[in-house]
Amino acid sequence: MKKIKVLRSTVIATVVGGFLFGRGKRAITGKKDSIAKTVKYDYPFIDTASGKVIGVVIYKGNRYMTVKVDVHTNTYEVSGSMKGFETELQMTEEECIDHIRQRAKLFVDKVAV
């Protein structure tokens, strides 16, 4: 009778522990997956005197689009494209360009003040 109680409590502890710890691992894995699907922006060149900024769109470690912004003349030049994964991100190429243009303006305006 005593062996059955010990066995029963061991089984219960294993099931509950597996549920709790397994659940935590799945939650962390899901978080890493969502982080990997985000777009990152890099600004390798910022010249505040001339108002020129280069912004790069990075997704899953690959460079997809480069935007050269001239803040003083309010112009920009785009090389590359995000057309392959726009639907996956639920984000348009124009939104990424606008983000880089706004940041470029912010960088130049902050230093000019």
Protein backbone atom coordinates (compact mmCIF):
# COMPACT_ATOMS: atom_id res chain seq x y z
CA MET A 1 0.00 0.00 0.00
CA LYS A 2 2.83 2.39 0.85
CA LYS A 3 4.54 1.73 -2.53
CA ILE A 4 1.37 2.73 -4.39
CA LYS A 5 1.15 6.06 -2.51
CA VAL A 6 4.79 6.84 -3.25
CA LEU A 7 4.33 5.86 -6.89
CA ARG A 8 1.15 7.94 -7.19
CA SER A 9 2.80 11.04 -5.69
CA THR A 10 5.83 10.59 -7.97
CA VAL A 11 3.60 10.41 -11.04
CA ILE A 12 1.63 13.48 -9.95
CA ALA A 13 4.82 15.45 -9.26
CA THR A 14 6.24 14.46 -12.67
CA VAL A 15 3.09 15.48 -14.54
CA VAL A 16 2.73 18.79 -12.71
CA GLY A 17 6.45 19.60 -13.03
CA GLY A 18 6.45 18.73 -16.72
CA PHE A 19 3.43 20.91 -17.29
CA LEU A 20 4.90 23.89 -15.45
CA PHE A 21 8.43 23.69 -16.82
CA GLY A 22 7.42 22.69 -20.32
CA ARG A 23 5.04 25.61 -20.47
CA GLY A 24 7.80 28.07 -19.58
CA LYS A 25 10.08 26.76 -22.32
CA ARG A 26 7.34 27.13 -24.91
CA ALA A 27 6.66 30.69 -23.80
CA ILE A 28 10.35 31.64 -24.12
CA THR A 29 10.64 29.96 -27.52
CA GLY A 30 7.59 31.84 -28.76
CA LYS A 31 9.12 35.12 -27.62
CA LYS A 32 12.36 34.42 -29.47
CA ASP A 33 10.42 33.63 -32.63
CA SER A 34 8.58 36.95 -32.48
CA ILE A 35 11.83 38.84 -31.90
CA ALA A 36 13.40 37.19 -34.95
CA LYS A 37 10.53 38.46 -37.12
CA THR A 38 11.12 42.13 -36.36
CA VAL A 39 12.80 44.60 -38.65
CA LYS A 40 15.93 46.29 -37.37
CA TYR A 41 17.28 49.61 -38.56
CA ASP A 42 20.95 50.52 -38.72
CA TYR A 43 22.37 53.97 -39.40
CA PRO A 44 25.98 53.47 -40.54
CA PHE A 45 26.41 57.06 -41.81
CA ILE A 46 25.13 60.25 -40.18
CA ASP A 47 26.53 63.61 -41.32
CA THR A 48 24.72 66.31 -39.37
CA ALA A 49 26.55 69.19 -41.07
CA SER A 50 25.35 68.29 -44.57
CA GLY A 51 22.11 66.67 -43.36
CA LYS A 52 22.82 63.31 -45.00
CA VAL A 53 21.90 60.03 -43.33
CA ILE A 54 22.03 56.44 -44.57
CA GLY A 55 19.59 53.98 -43.04
CA VAL A 56 19.64 50.22 -43.60
CA VAL A 57 16.72 47.81 -43.13
CA ILE A 58 17.83 44.48 -41.64
CA TYR A 59 15.59 41.42 -41.35
CA LYS A 60 16.75 38.05 -40.01
CA GLY A 61 20.35 39.22 -40.20
CA ASN A 62 20.21 40.18 -43.90
CA ARG A 63 20.34 43.69 -45.35
CA TYR A 64 17.39 44.22 -47.65
CA MET A 65 17.04 47.92 -48.26
CA THR A 66 19.24 51.01 -48.00
CA VAL A 67 17.73 54.50 -47.82
CA LYS A 68 19.93 57.56 -48.37
CA VAL A 69 18.22 60.64 -46.93
CA ASP A 70 19.13 64.29 -47.49
CA VAL A 71 17.27 66.14 -44.73
CA HIS A 72 18.04 69.67 -45.96
CA THR A 73 16.57 69.10 -49.45
CA ASN A 74 13.90 66.67 -48.18
CA THR A 75 14.86 63.97 -50.71
CA TYR A 76 15.71 60.30 -50.43
CA GLU A 77 17.05 57.48 -52.58
CA VAL A 78 16.16 53.82 -52.07
CA SER A 79 18.16 50.79 -53.16
CA GLY A 80 16.90 47.29 -52.53
CA SER A 81 13.42 46.09 -51.68
CA MET A 82 11.31 44.38 -49.03
CA LYS A 83 8.70 43.01 -51.44
CA GLY A 84 9.52 39.39 -50.54
CA PHE A 85 8.46 39.53 -46.91
CA GLU A 86 6.15 42.55 -46.52
CA THR A 87 3.12 40.34 -45.86
CA GLU A 88 5.01 38.29 -43.27
CA LEU A 89 5.80 41.44 -41.28
CA GLN A 90 2.48 43.20 -41.86
CA MET A 91 4.53 46.28 -42.67
CA THR A 92 4.95 48.08 -45.97
CA GLU A 93 8.10 49.28 -47.63
CA GLU A 94 6.81 52.85 -47.46
CA GLU A 95 6.43 52.59 -43.67
CA CYS A 96 10.08 51.54 -43.36
CA ILE A 97 11.18 54.42 -45.58
CA ASP A 98 9.11 56.90 -43.55
CA HIS A 99 10.62 55.52 -40.34
CA ILE A 100 14.16 56.07 -41.62
CA ARG A 101 13.29 59.57 -42.95
CA GLN A 102 11.80 60.61 -39.60
CA ARG A 103 14.80 59.28 -37.69
CA ALA A 104 17.18 61.05 -40.06
CA LYS A 105 15.36 64.34 -39.48
CA LEU A 106 15.48 63.74 -35.75
CA PHE A 107 19.25 63.04 -35.82
CA VAL A 108 20.01 66.19 -37.80
CA ASP A 109 17.60 68.46 -35.89
CA LYS A 110 18.84 67.32 -32.47
CA VAL A 111 22.45 68.18 -33.27
CA ALA A 112 21.56 71.48 -34.96
CA VAL A 113 19.79 72.74 -31.81
